[in-house]
């Protein structure tokens, strides 16, 4: 199991991604990107970061690494 963080441009995208990953059985925890601005992230616990990224892209979720 690996832990990695994916950043999102807003809390809305982070929450959407968190719900989608939860439905897929992948654990994710919401984090704050920084103290200024609207950056949020998900700390994700999964076997394959590439699989998670591909899944989020398929779902139309905007994110950055």
N, C-alpha and C. Protein backbone atom coordinates (compact mmCIF):
# COMPACT_ATOMS: atom_id res chain seq x y z
N UNK A 1 0.85 -1.18 0.00
CA UNK A 1 0.00 0.00 0.00
C UNK A 1 0.89 1.24 0.00
N UNK A 2 0.55 2.21 -0.86
CA UNK A 2 1.30 3.45 -0.95
C UNK A 2 0.44 4.61 -0.48
N UNK A 3 1.10 5.66 -0.01
CA UNK A 3 0.42 6.90 0.35
C UNK A 3 0.96 8.00 -0.55
N UNK A 4 0.07 8.77 -1.15
CA UNK A 4 0.48 9.87 -2.01
C UNK A 4 -0.59 10.95 -1.97
N UNK A 5 -0.24 12.15 -2.41
CA UNK A 5 -1.17 13.28 -2.38
C UNK A 5 -1.43 13.76 -3.80
N UNK A 6 -2.69 14.00 -4.09
CA UNK A 6 -3.10 14.62 -5.35
C UNK A 6 -3.76 15.95 -4.98
N UNK A 7 -3.37 17.02 -5.69
CA UNK A 7 -3.91 18.36 -5.42
C UNK A 7 -5.07 18.68 -6.37
N UNK A 8 -5.98 19.51 -5.86
CA UNK A 8 -7.17 19.91 -6.62
C UNK A 8 -7.31 21.43 -6.56
N UNK A 9 -7.90 22.05 -7.59
CA UNK A 9 -8.01 23.50 -7.62
C UNK A 9 -9.04 24.07 -6.64
N UNK A 10 -9.93 23.22 -6.14
CA UNK A 10 -10.95 23.69 -5.20
C UNK A 10 -11.39 22.55 -4.29
N UNK A 11 -12.05 22.92 -3.22
CA UNK A 11 -12.57 21.91 -2.29
C UNK A 11 -13.65 21.07 -2.96
N UNK A 12 -14.38 21.66 -3.90
CA UNK A 12 -15.44 20.93 -4.60
C UNK A 12 -14.87 19.74 -5.37
N UNK A 13 -13.79 19.95 -6.11
CA UNK A 13 -13.17 18.85 -6.84
C UNK A 13 -12.57 17.81 -5.89
N UNK A 14 -11.97 18.27 -4.81
CA UNK A 14 -11.38 17.34 -3.83
C UNK A 14 -12.47 16.47 -3.20
N UNK A 15 -13.60 17.09 -2.84
CA UNK A 15 -14.69 16.32 -2.24
C UNK A 15 -15.29 15.33 -3.24
N UNK A 16 -15.45 15.77 -4.48
CA UNK A 16 -15.99 14.88 -5.51
C UNK A 16 -15.07 13.68 -5.70
N UNK A 17 -13.76 13.94 -5.81
CA UNK A 17 -12.79 12.85 -5.97
C UNK A 17 -12.82 11.92 -4.78
N UNK A 18 -12.92 12.49 -3.58
CA UNK A 18 -12.98 11.66 -2.37
C UNK A 18 -14.17 10.72 -2.37
N UNK A 19 -15.33 11.24 -2.79
CA UNK A 19 -16.53 10.39 -2.86
C UNK A 19 -16.37 9.29 -3.90
N UNK A 20 -15.84 9.64 -5.07
CA UNK A 20 -15.65 8.64 -6.13
C UNK A 20 -14.68 7.54 -5.68
N UNK A 21 -13.59 7.95 -5.05
CA UNK A 21 -12.61 6.96 -4.59
C UNK A 21 -13.19 6.08 -3.49
N UNK A 22 -13.98 6.67 -2.60
CA UNK A 22 -14.61 5.90 -1.53
C UNK A 22 -15.54 4.84 -2.12
N UNK A 23 -16.30 5.22 -3.15
CA UNK A 23 -17.20 4.26 -3.81
C UNK A 23 -16.43 3.12 -4.45
N UNK A 24 -15.20 3.41 -4.86
CA UNK A 24 -14.34 2.40 -5.48
C UNK A 24 -13.58 1.58 -4.43
N UNK A 25 -13.72 1.94 -3.13
CA UNK A 25 -13.06 1.21 -2.06
C UNK A 25 -11.65 1.69 -1.77
N UNK A 26 -11.31 2.92 -2.19
CA UNK A 26 -9.98 3.48 -1.96
C UNK A 26 -10.09 4.55 -0.88
N UNK A 27 -9.25 4.45 0.14
CA UNK A 27 -9.27 5.42 1.24
C UNK A 27 -8.59 6.71 0.83
N UNK A 28 -9.20 7.83 1.22
CA UNK A 28 -8.62 9.15 0.93
C UNK A 28 -9.02 10.11 2.05
N UNK A 29 -8.09 11.00 2.39
CA UNK A 29 -8.32 11.98 3.46
C UNK A 29 -8.08 13.38 2.91
N UNK A 30 -9.04 14.28 3.12
CA UNK A 30 -8.95 15.65 2.64
C UNK A 30 -7.86 16.41 3.41
N UNK A 31 -7.02 17.15 2.67
CA UNK A 31 -5.98 17.98 3.28
C UNK A 31 -6.04 19.36 2.67
N UNK A 32 -5.50 20.32 3.39
CA UNK A 32 -5.42 21.70 2.89
C UNK A 32 -4.10 21.88 2.18
N UNK A 33 -4.14 22.40 0.95
CA UNK A 33 -2.93 22.56 0.14
C UNK A 33 -1.96 23.57 0.71
N UNK A 34 -2.47 24.73 1.10
CA UNK A 34 -1.65 25.76 1.71
C UNK A 34 -2.55 26.72 2.47
N UNK A 35 -1.97 27.67 3.16
CA UNK A 35 -2.79 28.59 3.97
C UNK A 35 -3.37 29.72 3.15
N UNK A 36 -2.87 29.94 1.93
CA UNK A 36 -3.37 31.00 1.06
C UNK A 36 -3.95 30.38 -0.20
N UNK A 37 -5.09 30.86 -0.62
CA UNK A 37 -5.69 30.34 -1.84
C UNK A 37 -6.68 29.22 -1.56
N UNK A 38 -7.07 28.55 -2.63
CA UNK A 38 -8.13 27.54 -2.54
C UNK A 38 -7.62 26.13 -2.82
N UNK A 39 -6.35 25.89 -2.69
CA UNK A 39 -5.79 24.59 -3.01
C UNK A 39 -6.12 23.56 -1.92
N UNK A 40 -6.63 22.42 -2.35
CA UNK A 40 -6.91 21.30 -1.45
C UNK A 40 -6.31 20.05 -2.04
N UNK A 41 -6.16 19.05 -1.22
CA UNK A 41 -5.61 17.79 -1.69
C UNK A 41 -6.27 16.61 -1.03
N UNK A 42 -5.96 15.45 -1.56
CA UNK A 42 -6.39 14.19 -0.95
C UNK A 42 -5.14 13.37 -0.68
N UNK A 43 -5.01 12.93 0.54
CA UNK A 43 -3.98 11.95 0.88
C UNK A 43 -4.61 10.60 0.63
N UNK A 44 -4.06 9.88 -0.33
CA UNK A 44 -4.69 8.66 -0.83
C UNK A 44 -3.85 7.44 -0.43
N UNK A 45 -4.55 6.39 -0.02
CA UNK A 45 -3.92 5.12 0.35
C UNK A 45 -4.35 4.08 -0.67
N UNK A 46 -3.46 3.70 -1.58
CA UNK A 46 -3.83 2.77 -2.64
C UNK A 46 -2.62 1.98 -3.11
N UNK A 47 -2.87 0.92 -3.85
CA UNK A 47 -1.81 0.09 -4.39
C UNK A 47 -1.07 0.78 -5.52
N UNK A 48 -1.82 1.48 -6.39
CA UNK A 48 -1.21 2.03 -7.59
C UNK A 48 -1.65 3.48 -7.82
N UNK A 49 -0.73 4.44 -7.67
CA UNK A 49 -1.08 5.84 -7.96
C UNK A 49 -1.56 6.03 -9.40
N UNK A 50 -0.95 5.31 -10.34
CA UNK A 50 -1.34 5.44 -11.75
C UNK A 50 -2.80 5.02 -11.98
N UNK A 51 -3.22 3.97 -11.28
CA UNK A 51 -4.60 3.50 -11.41
C UNK A 51 -5.57 4.56 -10.88
N UNK A 52 -5.23 5.19 -9.76
CA UNK A 52 -6.08 6.22 -9.18
C UNK A 52 -6.17 7.42 -10.11
N UNK A 53 -5.04 7.85 -10.65
CA UNK A 53 -5.01 8.99 -11.57
C UNK A 53 -5.84 8.70 -12.82
N UNK A 54 -5.70 7.53 -13.38
CA UNK A 54 -6.47 7.16 -14.57
C UNK A 54 -7.97 7.15 -14.26
N UNK A 55 -8.33 6.62 -13.11
CA UNK A 55 -9.74 6.58 -12.71
C UNK A 55 -10.32 7.99 -12.59
N UNK A 56 -9.58 8.91 -11.93
CA UNK A 56 -10.07 10.28 -11.77
C UNK A 56 -10.18 10.99 -13.12
N UNK A 57 -9.23 10.74 -14.01
CA UNK A 57 -9.31 11.33 -15.35
C UNK A 57 -10.55 10.83 -16.09
N UNK A 58 -10.83 9.54 -15.99
CA UNK A 58 -12.02 8.96 -16.63
C UNK A 58 -13.29 9.60 -16.10
N UNK A 59 -13.29 9.98 -14.83
CA UNK A 59 -14.46 10.57 -14.19
C UNK A 59 -14.57 12.07 -14.44
N UNK A 60 -13.57 12.66 -15.10
CA UNK A 60 -13.60 14.08 -15.43
C UNK A 60 -13.23 15.00 -14.29
N UNK A 61 -12.50 14.48 -13.31
CA UNK A 61 -12.09 15.29 -12.17
C UNK A 61 -10.78 16.01 -12.50
N UNK A 62 -10.74 17.33 -12.26
CA UNK A 62 -9.54 18.12 -12.51
C UNK A 62 -8.62 18.02 -11.31
N UNK A 63 -7.33 17.70 -11.56
CA UNK A 63 -6.36 17.57 -10.48
C UNK A 63 -4.97 17.83 -11.01
N UNK A 64 -4.03 17.93 -10.10
CA UNK A 64 -2.62 18.03 -10.48
C UNK A 64 -1.82 17.18 -9.51
N UNK A 65 -0.62 16.85 -9.92
CA UNK A 65 0.25 15.99 -9.10
C UNK A 65 1.14 16.86 -8.25
